[in-house]
Amino acid sequence: MIEDRFDAERFDFGEAVRVTRNVRNDGTYPGREVGDLLIRRGSVGHVIEVGTFLQDQIIYTVHFLEQGRMVGCRAEELIPADAPWNPSRFEFRDKVLCRLDLGINGEVLVAKGSEGEILKVLRELEPLQYHVRFPGRTLQVPEAALEPADPANFREPEE
């Protein structure tokens, strides 16, 4: 990985990379419905091509051998395969509920049961944490304080 160059290619041809978000069909993958899961977050593949989209976004074509798929990924969706990987229960845009009151200095900012949306996964922190947008504010919340907003339709990462 070329760490100091964010205006150009960060991953080289043949480099092993890990995808940090679920990759779903945006309508460009033939033979699958829009929204279908193509590659689960945490999967490892190899860069086979580097191109651009709309002349300003670098897109890496990554071959995921185990899944038998080649998909396009943006740089922010990839990390080196040998980088530390801390799997998360939730991902960007997941709807979640607070399992307890969240507050600062005794003042409750978000009540138990309030619904929020995951904005960012902070994998480098231990325990794993998220930036969660609740009505009126965004908070950094540990994974243990959250649960799925729609448990009937929620899939655990290992499924």
N, C-alpha and C. Protein backbone atom coordinates (compact mmCIF):
# COMPACT_ATOMS: atom_id res chain seq x y z
N MET A 1 0.84 -1.18 0.00
CA MET A 1 0.00 0.00 0.00
C MET A 1 0.89 1.24 0.00
N ILE A 2 0.49 2.24 -0.73
CA ILE A 2 1.20 3.50 -0.77
C ILE A 2 0.50 4.44 0.21
N GLU A 3 0.99 4.51 1.45
CA GLU A 3 0.27 5.20 2.51
C GLU A 3 0.25 6.71 2.39
N ASP A 4 1.28 7.31 1.85
CA ASP A 4 1.34 8.77 1.85
C ASP A 4 0.73 9.40 0.61
N ARG A 5 0.15 8.61 -0.27
CA ARG A 5 -0.45 9.15 -1.48
C ARG A 5 -1.93 8.85 -1.51
N PHE A 6 -2.74 9.84 -1.15
CA PHE A 6 -4.18 9.65 -1.18
C PHE A 6 -4.81 10.27 -2.41
N ASP A 7 -4.02 10.97 -3.21
CA ASP A 7 -4.52 11.55 -4.44
C ASP A 7 -4.28 10.62 -5.63
N ALA A 8 -3.63 9.52 -5.39
CA ALA A 8 -3.32 8.57 -6.46
C ALA A 8 -3.60 7.16 -5.94
N GLU A 9 -3.12 6.20 -6.67
CA GLU A 9 -3.38 4.81 -6.32
C GLU A 9 -2.77 4.46 -4.96
N ARG A 10 -3.54 3.77 -4.13
CA ARG A 10 -3.05 3.34 -2.81
C ARG A 10 -2.70 1.87 -2.80
N PHE A 11 -3.31 1.10 -3.67
CA PHE A 11 -3.06 -0.34 -3.72
C PHE A 11 -2.51 -0.70 -5.09
N ASP A 12 -1.60 -1.65 -5.09
CA ASP A 12 -0.95 -2.07 -6.32
C ASP A 12 -1.59 -3.32 -6.89
N PHE A 13 -1.36 -3.55 -8.18
CA PHE A 13 -1.82 -4.75 -8.85
C PHE A 13 -1.31 -5.99 -8.09
N GLY A 14 -2.20 -6.93 -7.82
CA GLY A 14 -1.84 -8.17 -7.14
C GLY A 14 -1.87 -8.08 -5.63
N GLU A 15 -2.00 -6.89 -5.07
CA GLU A 15 -1.98 -6.72 -3.62
C GLU A 15 -3.25 -7.32 -3.00
N ALA A 16 -3.05 -8.03 -1.88
CA ALA A 16 -4.18 -8.61 -1.14
C ALA A 16 -4.82 -7.51 -0.30
N VAL A 17 -6.15 -7.39 -0.41
CA VAL A 17 -6.90 -6.36 0.31
C VAL A 17 -8.12 -6.99 0.99
N ARG A 18 -8.60 -6.31 2.02
CA ARG A 18 -9.81 -6.74 2.74
C ARG A 18 -10.86 -5.65 2.57
N VAL A 19 -12.09 -6.05 2.28
CA VAL A 19 -13.18 -5.09 2.13
C VAL A 19 -13.79 -4.83 3.52
N THR A 20 -14.00 -3.55 3.84
CA THR A 20 -14.46 -3.18 5.18
C THR A 20 -15.97 -2.98 5.27
N ARG A 21 -16.65 -2.99 4.15
CA ARG A 21 -18.11 -2.84 4.12
C ARG A 21 -18.70 -3.93 3.25
N ASN A 22 -19.94 -4.31 3.53
CA ASN A 22 -20.63 -5.23 2.64
C ASN A 22 -20.74 -4.57 1.27
N VAL A 23 -20.49 -5.35 0.22
CA VAL A 23 -20.62 -4.85 -1.14
C VAL A 23 -21.90 -5.43 -1.73
N ARG A 24 -22.80 -4.53 -2.11
CA ARG A 24 -24.08 -4.94 -2.69
C ARG A 24 -24.14 -4.49 -4.14
N ASN A 25 -24.99 -5.16 -4.91
CA ASN A 25 -25.13 -4.83 -6.32
C ASN A 25 -25.82 -3.48 -6.47
N ASP A 26 -25.14 -2.55 -7.10
CA ASP A 26 -25.72 -1.23 -7.37
C ASP A 26 -26.38 -1.18 -8.74
N GLY A 27 -26.53 -2.33 -9.35
CA GLY A 27 -27.13 -2.41 -10.68
C GLY A 27 -26.12 -2.66 -11.77
N THR A 28 -24.83 -2.68 -11.42
CA THR A 28 -23.79 -2.88 -12.42
C THR A 28 -23.28 -4.31 -12.46
N TYR A 29 -23.72 -5.16 -11.54
CA TYR A 29 -23.26 -6.55 -11.53
C TYR A 29 -24.31 -7.40 -12.23
N PRO A 30 -23.96 -8.02 -13.35
CA PRO A 30 -24.94 -8.77 -14.14
C PRO A 30 -25.43 -10.04 -13.44
N GLY A 31 -26.69 -10.34 -13.66
CA GLY A 31 -27.26 -11.59 -13.17
C GLY A 31 -27.71 -11.57 -11.72
N ARG A 32 -27.61 -10.46 -11.05
CA ARG A 32 -28.02 -10.33 -9.66
C ARG A 32 -28.96 -9.14 -9.52
N GLU A 33 -29.87 -9.21 -8.57
CA GLU A 33 -30.81 -8.12 -8.32
C GLU A 33 -30.09 -6.94 -7.64
N VAL A 34 -30.57 -5.74 -7.89
CA VAL A 34 -30.05 -4.56 -7.21
C VAL A 34 -30.24 -4.75 -5.70
N GLY A 35 -29.19 -4.50 -4.95
CA GLY A 35 -29.25 -4.66 -3.49
C GLY A 35 -28.78 -6.01 -2.99
N ASP A 36 -28.60 -6.99 -3.89
CA ASP A 36 -28.11 -8.30 -3.47
C ASP A 36 -26.70 -8.19 -2.90
N LEU A 37 -26.42 -8.93 -1.84
CA LEU A 37 -25.09 -8.97 -1.25
C LEU A 37 -24.15 -9.71 -2.20
N LEU A 38 -23.05 -9.05 -2.57
CA LEU A 38 -22.06 -9.67 -3.44
C LEU A 38 -20.87 -10.18 -2.64
N ILE A 39 -20.36 -9.33 -1.73
CA ILE A 39 -19.18 -9.69 -0.93
C ILE A 39 -19.41 -9.20 0.50
N ARG A 40 -19.24 -10.10 1.45
CA ARG A 40 -19.41 -9.75 2.86
C ARG A 40 -18.17 -9.04 3.39
N ARG A 41 -18.40 -8.03 4.24
CA ARG A 41 -17.27 -7.29 4.83
C ARG A 41 -16.33 -8.25 5.53
N GLY A 42 -15.05 -7.96 5.43
CA GLY A 42 -14.02 -8.82 6.01
C GLY A 42 -13.43 -9.79 5.01
N SER A 43 -14.06 -9.94 3.84
CA SER A 43 -13.54 -10.85 2.82
C SER A 43 -12.24 -10.31 2.22
N VAL A 44 -11.36 -11.23 1.83
CA VAL A 44 -10.07 -10.86 1.26
C VAL A 44 -10.04 -11.22 -0.22
N GLY A 45 -9.51 -10.29 -1.02
CA GLY A 45 -9.34 -10.51 -2.45
C GLY A 45 -8.05 -9.87 -2.91
N HIS A 46 -7.83 -9.90 -4.22
CA HIS A 46 -6.61 -9.33 -4.80
C HIS A 46 -6.97 -8.30 -5.87
N VAL A 47 -6.24 -7.19 -5.85
CA VAL A 47 -6.44 -6.14 -6.85
C VAL A 47 -5.98 -6.66 -8.20
N ILE A 48 -6.87 -6.59 -9.19
CA ILE A 48 -6.50 -7.06 -10.53
C ILE A 48 -6.52 -5.92 -11.55
N GLU A 49 -7.09 -4.78 -11.16
CA GLU A 49 -7.13 -3.65 -12.09
C GLU A 49 -7.40 -2.37 -11.29
N VAL A 50 -6.87 -1.27 -11.78
CA VAL A 50 -7.12 0.04 -11.18
C VAL A 50 -7.66 0.94 -12.28
N GLY A 51 -8.81 1.55 -12.01
CA GLY A 51 -9.41 2.44 -13.01
C GLY A 51 -10.02 3.65 -12.33
N THR A 52 -10.78 4.43 -13.11
CA THR A 52 -11.45 5.60 -12.55
C THR A 52 -12.92 5.57 -12.89
N PHE A 53 -13.69 6.31 -12.09
CA PHE A 53 -15.12 6.48 -12.31
C PHE A 53 -15.38 7.98 -12.27
N LEU A 54 -16.06 8.49 -13.27
CA LEU A 54 -16.34 9.92 -13.38
C LEU A 54 -15.08 10.77 -13.31
N GLN A 55 -13.99 10.24 -13.75
CA GLN A 55 -12.69 10.90 -13.88
C GLN A 55 -12.08 11.37 -12.56
N ASP A 56 -12.74 11.15 -11.42
CA ASP A 56 -12.15 11.64 -10.17
C ASP A 56 -12.16 10.62 -9.04
N GLN A 57 -12.71 9.44 -9.27
CA GLN A 57 -12.73 8.41 -8.24
C GLN A 57 -11.95 7.19 -8.71
N ILE A 58 -10.99 6.77 -7.89
CA ILE A 58 -10.23 5.57 -8.23
C ILE A 58 -11.04 4.35 -7.79
N ILE A 59 -11.18 3.43 -8.72
CA ILE A 59 -11.92 2.19 -8.45
C ILE A 59 -10.97 1.02 -8.67
N TYR A 60 -10.93 0.14 -7.68
CA TYR A 60 -10.11 -1.07 -7.76
C TYR A 60 -11.00 -2.24 -8.11
N THR A 61 -10.65 -2.96 -9.15
CA THR A 61 -11.33 -4.22 -9.42
C THR A 61 -10.63 -5.27 -8.57
N VAL A 62 -11.41 -5.87 -7.68
CA VAL A 62 -10.85 -6.84 -6.73
C VAL A 62 -11.46 -8.20 -7.02
N HIS A 63 -10.60 -9.21 -7.16
CA HIS A 63 -11.05 -10.58 -7.39
C HIS A 63 -11.12 -11.30 -6.05
N PHE A 64 -12.32 -11.69 -5.67
CA PHE A 64 -12.54 -12.46 -4.44
C PHE A 64 -12.69 -13.92 -4.86
N LEU A 65 -11.58 -14.64 -4.78
CA LEU A 65 -11.50 -16.00 -5.29
C LEU A 65 -12.51 -16.93 -4.62
N GLU A 66 -12.61 -16.86 -3.27
CA GLU A 66 -13.53 -17.76 -2.55
C GLU A 66 -14.98 -17.58 -2.98
N GLN A 67 -15.37 -16.34 -3.28
CA GLN A 67 -16.75 -16.06 -3.69
C GLN A 67 -16.92 -16.15 -5.21
N GLY A 68 -15.81 -16.25 -5.94
CA GLY A 68 -15.87 -16.36 -7.39
C GLY A 68 -16.39 -15.09 -8.04
N ARG A 69 -16.05 -13.93 -7.47
CA ARG A 69 -16.56 -12.67 -7.99
C ARG A 69 -15.45 -11.64 -8.12
N MET A 70 -15.62 -10.77 -9.12
CA MET A 70 -14.78 -9.59 -9.27
C MET A 70 -15.69 -8.39 -9.13
N VAL A 71 -15.36 -7.49 -8.20
CA VAL A 71 -16.20 -6.32 -7.97
C VAL A 71 -15.33 -5.07 -7.89
N GLY A 72 -15.94 -3.94 -8.18
CA GLY A 72 -15.27 -2.67 -8.06
C GLY A 72 -15.42 -2.12 -6.66
N CYS A 73 -14.31 -1.62 -6.09
CA CYS A 73 -14.31 -1.07 -4.74
C CYS A 73 -13.59 0.26 -4.73
N ARG A 74 -14.08 1.18 -3.91
CA ARG A 74 -13.38 2.45 -3.70
C ARG A 74 -12.30 2.25 -2.65
N ALA A 75 -11.31 3.14 -2.66
CA ALA A 75 -10.18 3.02 -1.73
C ALA A 75 -10.64 3.01 -0.28
N GLU A 76 -11.63 3.82 0.06
CA GLU A 76 -12.08 3.88 1.46
C GLU A 76 -12.79 2.61 1.92
N GLU A 77 -13.11 1.72 1.01
CA GLU A 77 -13.74 0.45 1.36
C GLU A 77 -12.73 -0.67 1.56
N LEU A 78 -11.44 -0.36 1.35
CA LEU A 78 -10.41 -1.39 1.38
C LEU A 78 -9.32 -1.06 2.40
N ILE A 79 -8.76 -2.12 2.97
CA ILE A 79 -7.56 -2.02 3.80
C ILE A 79 -6.63 -3.16 3.36
N PRO A 80 -5.35 -3.05 3.66
CA PRO A 80 -4.46 -4.18 3.34
C PRO A 80 -4.95 -5.45 4.05
N ALA A 81 -4.81 -6.58 3.39
CA ALA A 81 -5.29 -7.84 3.96
C ALA A 81 -4.61 -8.19 5.27
N ASP A 82 -3.36 -7.74 5.44
CA ASP A 82 -2.64 -8.07 6.68
C ASP A 82 -2.82 -7.02 7.78
N ALA A 83 -3.61 -5.98 7.52
CA ALA A 83 -3.89 -4.98 8.55
C ALA A 83 -4.80 -5.59 9.62
N PRO A 84 -4.70 -5.12 10.85
CA PRO A 84 -5.58 -5.66 11.90
C PRO A 84 -7.04 -5.53 11.49
N TRP A 85 -7.79 -6.58 11.73
CA TRP A 85 -9.21 -6.60 11.37
C TRP A 85 -10.03 -6.88 12.62
N ASN A 86 -10.90 -5.97 12.94
CA ASN A 86 -11.78 -6.09 14.09
C ASN A 86 -13.20 -6.16 13.57
N PRO A 87 -13.78 -7.35 13.42
CA PRO A 87 -15.12 -7.46 12.83
C PRO A 87 -16.15 -6.71 13.66
N SER A 88 -17.10 -6.12 12.97
CA SER A 88 -18.15 -5.37 13.65
C SER A 88 -19.50 -6.04 13.45
N ARG A 89 -20.38 -5.83 14.41
CA ARG A 89 -21.74 -6.36 14.32
C ARG A 89 -22.58 -5.51 13.37
N PHE A 90 -22.32 -4.21 13.37
CA PHE A 90 -23.09 -3.28 12.54
C PHE A 90 -22.18 -2.64 11.51
N GLU A 91 -22.80 -2.02 10.51
CA GLU A 91 -22.05 -1.30 9.50
C GLU A 91 -22.77 -0.02 9.12
N PHE A 92 -22.11 0.77 8.28
CA PHE A 92 -22.64 2.04 7.81
C PHE A 92 -24.10 1.90 7.38
N ARG A 93 -24.94 2.81 7.86
CA ARG A 93 -26.37 2.93 7.55
C ARG A 93 -27.26 1.95 8.30
N ASP A 94 -26.72 1.04 9.08
CA ASP A 94 -27.57 0.16 9.88
C ASP A 94 -28.35 0.99 10.89
N LYS A 95 -29.61 0.62 11.09
CA LYS A 95 -30.45 1.25 12.11
C LYS A 95 -30.27 0.46 13.41
N VAL A 96 -30.07 1.19 14.50
CA VAL A 96 -29.83 0.58 15.80
C VAL A 96 -30.67 1.25 16.88
N LEU A 97 -30.81 0.54 18.01
CA LEU A 97 -31.47 1.08 19.19
C LEU A 97 -30.48 1.10 20.34
N CYS A 98 -30.63 2.10 21.22
CA CYS A 98 -29.82 2.15 22.44
C CYS A 98 -30.33 1.11 23.43
N ARG A 99 -29.42 0.37 24.01
CA ARG A 99 -29.79 -0.62 25.03
C ARG A 99 -29.87 0.01 26.41
N LEU A 100 -29.38 1.26 26.53
CA LEU A 100 -29.37 1.96 27.81
C LEU A 100 -29.36 3.46 27.56
N ASP A 101 -29.62 4.25 28.61
CA ASP A 101 -29.54 5.70 28.49
C ASP A 101 -28.10 6.10 28.23
N LEU A 102 -27.89 7.04 27.31
CA LEU A 102 -26.55 7.55 27.02
C LEU A 102 -26.48 8.99 27.49
N GLY A 103 -25.42 9.30 28.23
CA GLY A 103 -25.32 10.66 28.76
C GLY A 103 -23.91 11.07 29.06
N ILE A 104 -23.78 12.34 29.44
CA ILE A 104 -22.51 12.92 29.84
C ILE A 104 -22.74 13.69 31.13
N ASN A 105 -21.87 13.44 32.13
CA ASN A 105 -21.96 14.12 33.42
C ASN A 105 -23.35 14.03 34.05
N GLY A 106 -23.97 12.89 33.93
CA GLY A 106 -25.28 12.68 34.55
C GLY A 106 -26.46 13.17 33.74
N GLU A 107 -26.22 13.87 32.66
CA GLU A 107 -27.32 14.36 31.81
C GLU A 107 -27.58 13.34 30.70
N VAL A 108 -28.81 12.84 30.63
CA VAL A 108 -29.18 11.88 29.58
C VAL A 108 -29.32 12.62 28.26
N LEU A 109 -28.51 12.21 27.30
CA LEU A 109 -28.55 12.81 25.97
C LEU A 109 -29.43 12.02 25.02
N VAL A 110 -29.39 10.69 25.17
CA VAL A 110 -30.19 9.79 24.33
C VAL A 110 -30.80 8.74 25.24
N ALA A 111 -32.12 8.64 25.23
CA ALA A 111 -32.83 7.71 26.11
C ALA A 111 -32.76 6.28 25.58
N LYS A 112 -32.80 5.35 26.51
CA LYS A 112 -32.85 3.93 26.17
C LYS A 112 -34.00 3.70 25.19
N GLY A 113 -33.72 2.90 24.14
CA GLY A 113 -34.74 2.60 23.14
C GLY A 113 -34.77 3.56 21.97
N SER A 114 -34.00 4.65 22.03
CA SER A 114 -33.96 5.61 20.93
C SER A 114 -33.30 4.97 19.70
N GLU A 115 -33.82 5.31 18.53
CA GLU A 115 -33.27 4.77 17.30
C GLU A 115 -32.22 5.71 16.73
N GLY A 116 -31.15 5.11 16.20
CA GLY A 116 -30.09 5.87 15.55
C GLY A 116 -29.63 5.15 14.31
N GLU A 117 -28.71 5.77 13.60
CA GLU A 117 -28.15 5.20 12.38
C GLU A 117 -26.63 5.25 12.46
N ILE A 118 -26.00 4.14 12.10
CA ILE A 118 -24.54 4.06 12.10
C ILE A 118 -23.98 4.94 10.99
N LEU A 119 -23.07 5.85 11.39
CA LEU A 119 -22.40 6.71 10.41
C LEU A 119 -21.00 6.23 10.11
N LYS A 120 -20.34 5.66 11.13
CA LYS A 120 -18.96 5.22 10.94
C LYS A 120 -18.63 4.12 11.94
N VAL A 121 -17.85 3.15 11.49
CA VAL A 121 -17.36 2.09 12.36
C VAL A 121 -15.93 2.45 12.75
N LEU A 122 -15.66 2.48 14.06
CA LEU A 122 -14.32 2.81 14.57
C LEU A 122 -13.62 1.52 14.98
N ARG A 123 -13.13 0.78 14.00
CA ARG A 123 -12.55 -0.54 14.21
C ARG A 123 -11.27 -0.52 15.03
N GLU A 124 -10.55 0.59 14.98
CA GLU A 124 -9.25 0.65 15.66
C GLU A 124 -9.39 0.78 17.17
N LEU A 125 -10.59 1.06 17.66
CA LEU A 125 -10.80 1.21 19.10
C LEU A 125 -11.18 -0.13 19.74
N GLU A 126 -10.80 -0.27 20.98
CA GLU A 126 -11.13 -1.48 21.74
C GLU A 126 -11.76 -1.05 23.05
N PRO A 127 -13.01 -1.37 23.35
CA PRO A 127 -13.91 -2.14 22.48
C PRO A 127 -14.34 -1.34 21.25
N LEU A 128 -14.79 -2.06 20.24
CA LEU A 128 -15.23 -1.47 19.00
C LEU A 128 -16.32 -0.44 19.26
N GLN A 129 -16.26 0.70 18.56
CA GLN A 129 -17.24 1.76 18.75
C GLN A 129 -17.74 2.27 17.41
N TYR A 130 -18.80 3.07 17.48
CA TYR A 130 -19.44 3.62 16.29
C TYR A 130 -19.75 5.09 16.49
N HIS A 131 -19.78 5.83 15.40
CA HIS A 131 -20.42 7.14 15.40
C HIS A 131 -21.87 6.86 15.01
N VAL A 132 -22.79 7.24 15.89
CA VAL A 132 -24.21 6.96 15.67
C VAL A 132 -24.97 8.28 15.66
N ARG A 133 -25.77 8.48 14.63
CA ARG A 133 -26.61 9.69 14.53
C ARG A 133 -27.96 9.39 15.16
N PHE A 134 -28.23 10.08 16.25
CA PHE A 134 -29.53 10.03 16.90
C PHE A 134 -30.24 11.34 16.58
N PRO A 135 -31.56 11.42 16.76
CA PRO A 135 -32.24 12.69 16.49
C PRO A 135 -31.59 13.83 17.28
N GLY A 136 -31.08 14.81 16.55
CA GLY A 136 -30.51 15.99 17.18
C GLY A 136 -29.04 15.93 17.55
N ARG A 137 -28.39 14.76 17.45
CA ARG A 137 -26.97 14.69 17.82
C ARG A 137 -26.32 13.40 17.35
N THR A 138 -24.99 13.47 17.27
CA THR A 138 -24.18 12.31 16.91
C THR A 138 -23.29 11.98 18.10
N LEU A 139 -23.25 10.71 18.48
CA LEU A 139 -22.44 10.28 19.62
C LEU A 139 -21.54 9.12 19.22
N GLN A 140 -20.43 8.98 19.94
CA GLN A 140 -19.57 7.81 19.80
C GLN A 140 -20.04 6.80 20.83
N VAL A 141 -20.43 5.61 20.37
CA VAL A 141 -21.10 4.63 21.23
C VAL A 141 -20.42 3.27 21.09
N PRO A 142 -20.15 2.58 22.22
CA PRO A 142 -19.58 1.23 22.12
C PRO A 142 -20.62 0.24 21.60
N GLU A 143 -20.13 -0.79 20.93
CA GLU A 143 -21.02 -1.78 20.33
C GLU A 143 -21.97 -2.42 21.34
N ALA A 144 -21.49 -2.66 22.57
CA ALA A 144 -22.31 -3.32 23.59
C ALA A 144 -23.54 -2.51 23.98
N ALA A 145 -23.55 -1.21 23.67
CA ALA A 145 -24.68 -0.35 24.04
C ALA A 145 -25.75 -0.29 22.94
N LEU A 146 -25.55 -1.07 21.88
CA LEU A 146 -26.47 -1.02 20.74
C LEU A 146 -27.07 -2.38 20.43
N GLU A 147 -28.25 -2.34 19.84
CA GLU A 147 -28.90 -3.56 19.34
C GLU A 147 -29.58 -3.22 18.03
N PRO A 148 -29.88 -4.22 17.21
CA PRO A 148 -30.53 -3.94 15.92
C PRO A 148 -31.92 -3.32 16.12
N ALA A 149 -32.26 -2.35 15.29
CA ALA A 149 -33.57 -1.71 15.35
C ALA A 149 -34.66 -2.65 14.84
N ASP A 150 -34.30 -3.53 13.90
CA ASP A 150 -35.26 -4.48 13.33
C ASP A 150 -34.67 -5.89 13.44
N PRO A 151 -34.76 -6.50 14.65
CA PRO A 151 -34.10 -7.80 14.85
C PRO A 151 -34.58 -8.90 13.91
N ALA A 152 -35.83 -8.83 13.48
CA ALA A 152 -36.36 -9.88 12.61
C ALA A 152 -35.64 -9.92 11.25
N ASN A 153 -35.17 -8.78 10.78
CA ASN A 153 -34.52 -8.71 9.47
C ASN A 153 -33.01 -8.47 9.56
N PHE A 154 -32.46 -8.50 10.77
CA PHE A 154 -31.04 -8.26 10.96
C PHE A 154 -30.28 -9.56 10.79
N ARG A 155 -29.16 -9.50 10.04
CA ARG A 155 -28.30 -10.67 9.87
C ARG A 155 -27.00 -10.43 10.61
N GLU A 156 -26.67 -11.32 11.50
CA GLU A 156 -25.39 -11.24 12.20
C GLU A 156 -24.28 -11.41 11.17
N PRO A 157 -23.12 -10.79 11.38
CA PRO A 157 -22.04 -10.81 10.39
C PRO A 157 -21.58 -12.20 9.99
N GLU A 158 -21.60 -13.15 10.89
CA GLU A 158 -21.08 -14.49 10.56
C GLU A 158 -22.07 -15.34 9.78
N GLU A 159 -23.28 -14.85 9.57
CA GLU A 159 -24.27 -15.65 8.83
C GLU A 159 -24.01 -15.61 7.35
